[in-house]
Amino acid sequence: MKEWVIDDEDLSLERKSLLPGTGFFVPDDIADRRKDQEIEERATGADVLVVADPDADGLACVAIVREVFGEGALIPASPHELADGIERAAEYGEPGSTVFVCDLAPDHPATIADPLNDLVDHAGAVSWFDHHQWTDDAMAAVEDAGVRLVVGDSDEECTADVAVRALEADVPDYLVELAEVTRDHDLWLQEDERSDDLADYAYWVDPEEYVDVIQEHGVDLPEDVEAFLAERRVEKEALIERAVARADVHKVNGWTVGVTYGRCSQNEVAEALKEQGTDAAVIVKPAGSASIRGSEGFERAHEVARQVDGGGHPRAAGCKPHIYEDMLDYAHHWTTQGATAKRVILDAFERLDREE
């Protein structure tokens, strides 16, 4: 297959909004080898490692750990890669190392049991900081493995807040401020305009670049970064507009749910649908995952997500339904704008006990 077939740089915005990015088409084994090589170079010989979601909240934790300990090799791991991230920490970190897992929650504790036990046996100390909604089983599984677990109130703290207080160290004021501004976006408070800059910058650049910049500049990003963000946001806004325009509204189990499809920034799309009167929003992505956003009228997004292989917060959760068996399923997903994924997620809304 020619590279131009999967390269989306020359696609129209409409087509780009309907298809996944180039990275989706790279086979997992190739992507994993590349990631293993990168992580091995960073983590080999490291005495402090951080397994973190590479968004603004997770990367703020990396910056805080590095400030306190003087080092902290990053092992990036999305929620769907949690077991892999833990395995890599055990494989590449030094025996007796200090390991932190940040901004991640196990949707299915059994999937991380063996890797976590191996990590605890290998490391000197393992701490886990998070602010998502945890089940009792998940908390028991992590703590029984010998991990120090600190989970903050998802309505009050982001994981960076948890790290600031849980490390029990003299965290510099600029990183305390970083945690506060990160919380503004992560909890969707929208009271500090700088928080959107942090979230977008973390999403668009390499994680190490993001950590380097915020350690040097804090929350007040330099002019060249601001110019970069302004340029990228032209396309971002156009993709948001397309996702909002193709949304449908459904009445499900007494709630009004806006459902849409596309490559876009899910928080802004969800906010636009909320302004149109929805209680919840479902944004299905071309890569197969979906974001579920709630509101004051619906604070059970994590319960919906757990039914379709995901988890998260009462008002913000994510999932990737196990409905894709081969490329034909993905072709159907793209050409129907996520019809099957939309249906199984709406069915999950229907299964909720309305009395709760």
Protein backbone atom coordinates (compact mmCIF):
# COMPACT_ATOMS: atom_id res chain seq x y z
CA MET A 1 0.00 0.00 0.00
CA LYS A 2 1.32 3.42 -0.94
CA GLU A 3 2.08 5.75 1.95
CA TRP A 4 -0.05 8.51 0.47
CA VAL A 5 -3.14 6.35 0.99
CA ILE A 6 -2.86 6.71 4.77
CA ASP A 7 -1.20 10.13 4.90
CA ASP A 8 -3.88 12.66 5.84
CA GLU A 9 -1.87 15.84 5.32
CA ASP A 10 -3.42 16.49 1.90
CA LEU A 11 -6.97 15.41 2.76
CA SER A 12 -9.82 17.88 2.74
CA LEU A 13 -11.06 18.78 6.22
CA GLU A 14 -14.32 16.91 5.60
CA ARG A 15 -12.51 13.67 4.76
CA LYS A 16 -10.01 14.20 7.56
CA SER A 17 -12.87 14.53 10.03
CA LEU A 18 -14.25 11.15 8.97
CA LEU A 19 -11.05 9.08 8.97
CA PRO A 20 -8.48 8.19 11.66
CA GLY A 21 -5.00 9.65 11.62
CA THR A 22 -1.97 8.05 9.99
CA GLY A 23 -0.89 6.33 13.21
CA PHE A 24 -4.02 4.19 13.22
CA PHE A 25 -2.84 2.32 10.12
CA VAL A 26 0.58 1.40 11.55
CA PRO A 27 0.38 -2.24 12.76
CA ASP A 28 0.54 -2.63 16.54
CA ASP A 29 3.66 -4.77 16.45
CA ILE A 30 5.56 -2.10 14.52
CA ALA A 31 4.25 0.70 16.74
CA ASP A 32 5.08 -1.34 19.86
CA ARG A 33 8.64 -1.99 18.68
CA ARG A 34 9.17 1.71 18.07
CA LYS A 35 7.71 2.58 21.46
CA ASP A 36 9.76 -0.10 23.22
CA GLN A 37 12.94 1.27 21.66
CA GLU A 38 12.13 4.84 22.70
CA ILE A 39 11.18 3.82 26.24
CA GLU A 40 14.20 1.56 26.63
CA GLU A 41 16.50 4.46 25.71
CA ARG A 42 14.85 6.71 28.31
CA ALA A 43 14.23 4.22 31.10
CA THR A 44 17.28 1.96 31.10
CA GLY A 45 19.27 2.76 34.20
CA ALA A 46 16.58 5.08 35.60
CA ASP A 47 15.96 4.95 39.34
CA VAL A 48 12.65 6.85 39.07
CA LEU A 49 9.98 6.09 36.47
CA VAL A 50 6.54 7.53 35.80
CA VAL A 51 3.88 5.53 33.94
CA ALA A 52 1.41 8.23 32.92
CA ASP A 53 -1.35 9.13 30.53
CA PRO A 54 0.42 11.57 28.16
CA ASP A 55 -2.21 14.29 28.44
CA ALA A 56 -1.73 17.59 30.28
CA ASP A 57 -2.68 16.08 33.65
CA GLY A 58 -0.45 13.03 33.38
CA LEU A 59 2.48 15.07 32.07
CA ALA A 60 2.09 17.61 34.86
CA CYS A 61 2.66 14.70 37.24
CA VAL A 62 5.86 13.86 35.37
CA ALA A 63 7.10 17.43 35.78
CA ILE A 64 6.30 17.37 39.50
CA VAL A 65 8.05 14.04 40.07
CA ARG A 66 11.13 15.23 38.18
CA GLU A 67 11.30 18.38 40.27
CA VAL A 68 11.03 16.46 43.54
CA PHE A 69 13.32 13.53 42.67
CA GLY A 70 15.63 15.11 40.13
CA GLU A 71 14.67 12.51 37.52
CA GLY A 72 11.70 10.57 36.24
CA ALA A 73 11.75 8.55 33.04
CA LEU A 74 8.39 8.81 31.31
CA ILE A 75 6.60 5.67 30.16
CA PRO A 76 3.53 6.97 28.29
CA ALA A 77 0.46 4.75 28.50
CA SER A 78 -3.10 5.42 27.44
CA PRO A 79 -5.89 3.79 29.49
CA HIS A 80 -6.00 0.95 26.95
CA GLU A 81 -2.22 0.44 27.29
CA LEU A 82 -2.06 0.38 31.08
CA ALA A 83 -0.84 -3.22 31.38
CA ASP A 84 1.81 -2.58 28.72
CA GLY A 85 3.03 0.50 30.57
CA ILE A 86 3.36 -1.40 33.83
CA GLU A 87 5.21 -4.23 32.06
CA ARG A 88 7.65 -1.76 30.51
CA ALA A 89 8.39 -0.18 33.89
CA ALA A 90 9.33 -3.59 35.28
CA GLU A 91 11.34 -4.51 32.21
CA TYR A 92 13.38 -1.35 31.73
CA GLY A 93 13.58 0.23 35.19
CA GLU A 94 16.44 -0.50 37.54
CA PRO A 95 15.86 -3.09 40.29
CA GLY A 96 14.77 -1.26 43.42
CA SER A 97 13.58 1.77 41.46
CA THR A 98 10.83 4.15 42.55
CA VAL A 99 7.82 3.96 40.24
CA PHE A 100 4.75 6.18 39.96
CA VAL A 101 1.59 5.39 37.99
CA CYS A 102 -0.32 8.60 37.29
CA ASP A 103 -3.68 9.60 35.82
CA LEU A 104 -4.71 6.06 34.94
CA ALA A 105 -7.34 3.71 36.36
CA PRO A 106 -7.72 -0.03 35.65
CA ASP A 107 -11.08 -0.73 34.03
CA HIS A 108 -10.53 -4.46 34.50
CA PRO A 109 -8.18 -5.21 37.44
CA ALA A 110 -7.52 -8.77 36.27
CA THR A 111 -5.71 -7.49 33.17
CA ILE A 112 -3.04 -5.73 35.24
CA ALA A 113 -2.69 -8.25 38.09
CA ASP A 114 0.36 -10.14 36.80
CA PRO A 115 2.24 -7.10 35.42
CA LEU A 116 1.63 -5.18 38.64
CA ASN A 117 2.86 -8.02 40.83
CA ASP A 118 5.99 -8.27 38.68
CA LEU A 119 6.55 -4.53 39.00
CA VAL A 120 6.14 -4.56 42.79
CA ASP A 121 8.63 -7.45 43.04
CA HIS A 122 11.10 -5.60 40.79
CA ALA A 123 10.80 -2.05 42.13
CA GLY A 124 11.66 -0.67 45.52
CA ALA A 125 8.42 1.29 45.85
CA VAL A 126 5.34 1.75 43.68
CA SER A 127 2.86 4.61 44.17
CA TRP A 128 -0.30 5.21 42.18
CA PHE A 129 -1.90 8.67 41.95
CA ASP A 130 -5.22 9.21 40.20
CA HIS A 131 -8.57 11.00 40.32
CA HIS A 132 -10.85 8.81 38.21
CA GLN A 133 -13.76 6.75 39.52
CA TRP A 134 -12.44 3.49 40.94
CA THR A 135 -14.42 0.38 41.77
CA ASP A 136 -13.87 -1.28 45.13
CA ASP A 137 -12.44 -4.32 43.34
CA ALA A 138 -9.89 -2.21 41.48
CA MET A 139 -8.76 -0.41 44.61
CA ALA A 140 -8.43 -3.67 46.52
CA ALA A 141 -6.47 -5.31 43.70
CA VAL A 142 -3.92 -2.48 43.51
CA GLU A 143 -3.52 -2.05 47.26
CA ASP A 144 -3.28 -5.82 47.88
CA ALA A 145 -0.38 -5.92 45.40
CA GLY A 146 1.56 -3.65 47.75
CA VAL A 147 1.06 -0.34 45.96
CA ARG A 148 0.51 2.96 47.74
CA LEU A 149 -2.72 4.19 46.16
CA VAL A 150 -3.97 7.77 46.45
CA VAL A 151 -7.19 8.58 44.58
CA GLY A 152 -8.50 12.12 44.71
CA ASP A 153 -12.09 13.34 44.48
CA SER A 154 -12.79 13.57 40.76
CA ASP A 155 -15.04 16.58 41.35
CA GLU A 156 -12.34 18.50 43.21
CA GLU A 157 -8.88 17.39 42.04
CA CYS A 158 -6.95 16.45 38.95
CA THR A 159 -4.12 13.93 39.29
CA ALA A 160 -1.52 16.69 39.39
CA ASP A 161 -3.27 18.03 42.52
CA VAL A 162 -3.05 14.54 44.01
CA ALA A 163 0.67 14.35 43.21
CA VAL A 164 1.37 17.72 44.85
CA ARG A 165 -0.15 16.64 48.17
CA ALA A 166 0.69 12.93 48.06
CA LEU A 167 4.42 13.38 47.46
CA GLU A 168 4.68 15.24 50.78
CA ALA A 169 7.56 17.31 49.42
CA ASP A 170 8.30 20.98 48.87
CA VAL A 171 6.79 21.36 45.41
CA PRO A 172 7.73 24.73 43.84
CA ASP A 173 4.97 27.32 43.50
CA TYR A 174 5.10 27.27 39.70
CA LEU A 175 4.21 23.55 39.69
CA VAL A 176 1.47 24.04 42.25
CA GLU A 177 0.07 26.66 39.87
CA LEU A 178 0.50 24.20 36.99
CA ALA A 179 -1.66 21.69 38.87
CA GLU A 180 -4.32 24.34 39.52
CA VAL A 181 -4.50 25.42 35.86
CA THR A 182 -4.45 21.82 34.66
CA ARG A 183 -7.38 21.10 36.97
CA ASP A 184 -9.32 23.91 35.31
CA HIS A 185 -9.34 22.03 32.03
CA ASP A 186 -9.36 18.46 33.31
CA LEU A 187 -12.46 19.09 35.42
CA TRP A 188 -13.87 21.34 32.68
CA LEU A 189 -14.23 24.33 35.01
CA GLN A 190 -13.28 26.77 32.24
CA GLU A 191 -12.27 29.59 34.59
CA ASP A 192 -8.67 30.04 33.40
CA GLU A 193 -8.06 30.54 29.68
CA ARG A 194 -4.52 29.21 30.03
CA SER A 195 -5.82 25.72 30.74
CA ASP A 196 -6.95 25.22 27.14
CA ASP A 197 -3.47 26.19 25.98
CA LEU A 198 -1.92 23.51 28.18
CA ALA A 199 -4.38 20.84 27.06
CA ASP A 200 -3.96 21.59 23.36
CA TYR A 201 -0.19 21.86 23.55
CA ALA A 202 0.09 18.53 25.39
CA TYR A 203 -2.09 16.91 22.73
CA TRP A 204 -0.21 18.30 19.74
CA VAL A 205 3.45 17.88 20.67
CA ASP A 206 5.74 15.11 21.86
CA PRO A 207 5.31 14.47 25.61
CA GLU A 208 8.97 15.18 26.38
CA GLU A 209 8.75 18.53 24.58
CA TYR A 210 5.69 19.45 26.63
CA VAL A 211 7.35 18.57 29.94
CA ASP A 212 10.51 20.48 29.02
CA VAL A 213 8.54 23.61 28.13
CA ILE A 214 6.36 23.67 31.24
CA GLN A 215 9.35 23.01 33.48
CA GLU A 216 11.07 26.04 31.93
CA HIS A 217 8.08 28.38 31.55
CA GLY A 218 5.34 27.08 33.83
CA VAL A 219 1.78 27.83 32.76
CA ASP A 220 2.66 31.01 30.86
CA LEU A 221 3.76 29.56 27.55
CA PRO A 222 6.29 31.44 25.36
CA GLU A 223 5.30 33.41 22.27
CA ASP A 224 6.44 30.81 19.77
CA VAL A 225 4.22 28.21 21.44
CA GLU A 226 1.27 30.61 21.43
CA ALA A 227 1.78 31.19 17.70
CA PHE A 228 1.91 27.43 17.12
CA LEU A 229 -1.35 26.96 19.04
CA ALA A 230 -3.10 29.73 17.12
CA GLU A 231 -2.16 28.12 13.81
CA ARG A 232 -3.29 24.64 14.84
CA ARG A 233 -6.60 25.90 16.23
CA VAL A 234 -7.84 26.98 12.82
CA GLU A 235 -8.18 23.33 11.83
CA LYS A 236 -9.33 22.32 15.31
CA GLU A 237 -12.31 24.70 15.18
CA ALA A 238 -13.26 23.51 11.71
CA LEU A 239 -13.31 19.87 12.87
CA ILE A 240 -15.41 20.81 15.91
CA GLU A 241 -17.95 22.57 13.68
CA ARG A 242 -18.28 19.49 11.47
CA ALA A 243 -18.81 17.15 14.42
CA VAL A 244 -21.47 19.41 15.94
CA ALA A 245 -23.25 19.79 12.60
CA ARG A 246 -23.60 16.02 12.10
CA ALA A 247 -24.89 15.32 15.62
CA ASP A 248 -28.24 13.61 16.26
CA VAL A 249 -30.26 13.88 19.45
CA HIS A 250 -31.88 10.84 21.07
CA LYS A 251 -34.23 10.44 23.99
CA VAL A 252 -32.89 7.46 25.93
CA ASN A 253 -34.18 6.21 29.28
CA GLY A 254 -35.45 9.69 30.11
CA TRP A 255 -32.22 11.50 29.17
CA THR A 256 -31.52 13.63 26.12
CA VAL A 257 -28.31 12.34 24.51
CA GLY A 258 -26.49 14.05 21.67
CA VAL A 259 -24.51 11.61 19.52
CA THR A 260 -21.98 12.47 16.85
CA TYR A 261 -18.96 11.13 14.99
CA GLY A 262 -15.66 12.54 13.87
CA ARG A 263 -12.05 13.36 14.56
CA CYS A 264 -12.43 16.35 16.85
CA SER A 265 -11.85 17.84 20.28
CA GLN A 266 -14.52 16.06 22.29
CA ASN A 267 -14.83 18.54 25.16
CA GLU A 268 -15.73 21.47 22.93
CA VAL A 269 -18.15 19.33 20.92
CA ALA A 270 -19.82 18.11 24.11
CA GLU A 271 -20.12 21.65 25.40
CA ALA A 272 -21.80 22.76 22.16
CA LEU A 273 -24.29 19.88 22.40
CA LYS A 274 -24.95 20.73 26.05
CA GLU A 275 -25.80 24.29 24.99
CA GLN A 276 -28.36 22.74 22.64
CA GLY A 277 -30.09 21.15 25.63
CA THR A 278 -28.60 17.66 25.89
CA ASP A 279 -28.00 15.91 29.22
CA ALA A 280 -25.14 13.86 27.81
CA ALA A 281 -22.99 13.69 24.71
CA VAL A 282 -21.37 10.76 22.91
CA ILE A 283 -18.55 11.51 20.50
CA VAL A 284 -17.51 8.44 18.48
CA LYS A 285 -14.05 8.69 16.96
CA PRO A 286 -12.91 7.26 13.59
CA ALA A 287 -10.31 5.11 15.40
CA GLY A 288 -13.14 3.27 17.19
CA SER A 289 -13.02 4.83 20.64
CA ALA A 290 -15.68 7.12 22.06
CA SER A 291 -15.93 9.91 24.62
CA ILE A 292 -18.96 10.19 26.88
CA ARG A 293 -19.66 13.53 28.51
CA GLY A 294 -22.27 14.32 31.15
CA SER A 295 -23.70 17.39 32.82
CA GLU A 296 -25.53 18.42 35.99
CA GLY A 297 -28.44 16.41 34.64
CA PHE A 298 -26.37 13.30 33.97
CA GLU A 299 -23.45 12.27 36.19
CA ARG A 300 -23.14 8.60 35.23
CA ALA A 301 -20.85 8.72 32.20
CA HIS A 302 -18.44 6.29 33.87
CA GLU A 303 -21.26 3.77 34.37
CA VAL A 304 -22.08 3.89 30.68
CA ALA A 305 -18.41 3.52 29.74
CA ARG A 306 -17.87 0.51 31.99
CA GLN A 307 -20.48 -1.42 30.05
CA VAL A 308 -18.52 -0.96 26.82
CA ASP A 309 -14.93 -1.59 27.91
CA GLY A 310 -14.10 1.78 29.41
CA GLY A 311 -14.32 3.99 32.47
CA GLY A 312 -13.67 7.48 33.77
CA HIS A 313 -15.52 10.16 35.71
CA PRO A 314 -19.23 10.82 36.37
CA ARG A 315 -19.22 13.60 33.77
CA ALA A 316 -16.33 12.49 31.53
CA ALA A 317 -15.51 8.95 30.47
CA GLY A 318 -14.12 7.03 27.54
CA CYS A 319 -14.42 3.59 25.99
CA LYS A 320 -13.65 1.49 22.94
CA PRO A 321 -16.36 -1.12 22.33
CA HIS A 322 -15.11 -4.55 21.29
CA ILE A 323 -16.99 -4.56 17.99
CA TYR A 324 -14.15 -4.45 15.49
CA GLU A 325 -13.06 -7.89 14.28
CA ASP A 326 -11.41 -7.00 10.97
CA MET A 327 -10.89 -4.18 8.49
CA LEU A 328 -14.37 -4.63 7.06
CA ASP A 329 -15.78 -3.70 10.46
CA TYR A 330 -13.67 -0.56 10.44
CA ALA A 331 -14.71 0.21 6.86
CA HIS A 332 -18.33 -0.05 7.97
CA HIS A 333 -17.50 2.18 10.95
CA TRP A 334 -16.08 4.92 8.71
CA THR A 335 -18.72 4.77 5.98
CA THR A 336 -21.64 4.73 8.45
CA GLN A 337 -20.08 7.33 10.74
CA GLY A 338 -19.85 4.96 13.69
CA ALA A 339 -23.35 3.50 13.48
CA THR A 340 -22.59 0.29 15.41
CA ALA A 341 -20.58 2.03 18.13
CA LYS A 342 -23.33 4.61 18.57
CA ARG A 343 -25.93 1.87 18.95
CA VAL A 344 -24.05 -0.14 21.60
CA ILE A 345 -23.33 2.99 23.65
CA LEU A 346 -26.94 4.16 23.49
CA ASP A 347 -27.96 0.65 24.57
CA ALA A 348 -25.70 1.12 27.60
CA PHE A 349 -27.63 4.29 28.51
CA GLU A 350 -30.83 2.27 28.20
CA ARG A 351 -29.56 -0.38 30.62
CA LEU A 352 -28.88 2.08 33.44
CA ASP A 353 -31.24 1.86 36.39
CA ARG A 354 -33.20 5.11 36.08
CA GLU A 355 -34.04 5.15 39.79
CA GLU A 356 -30.40 5.77 40.68
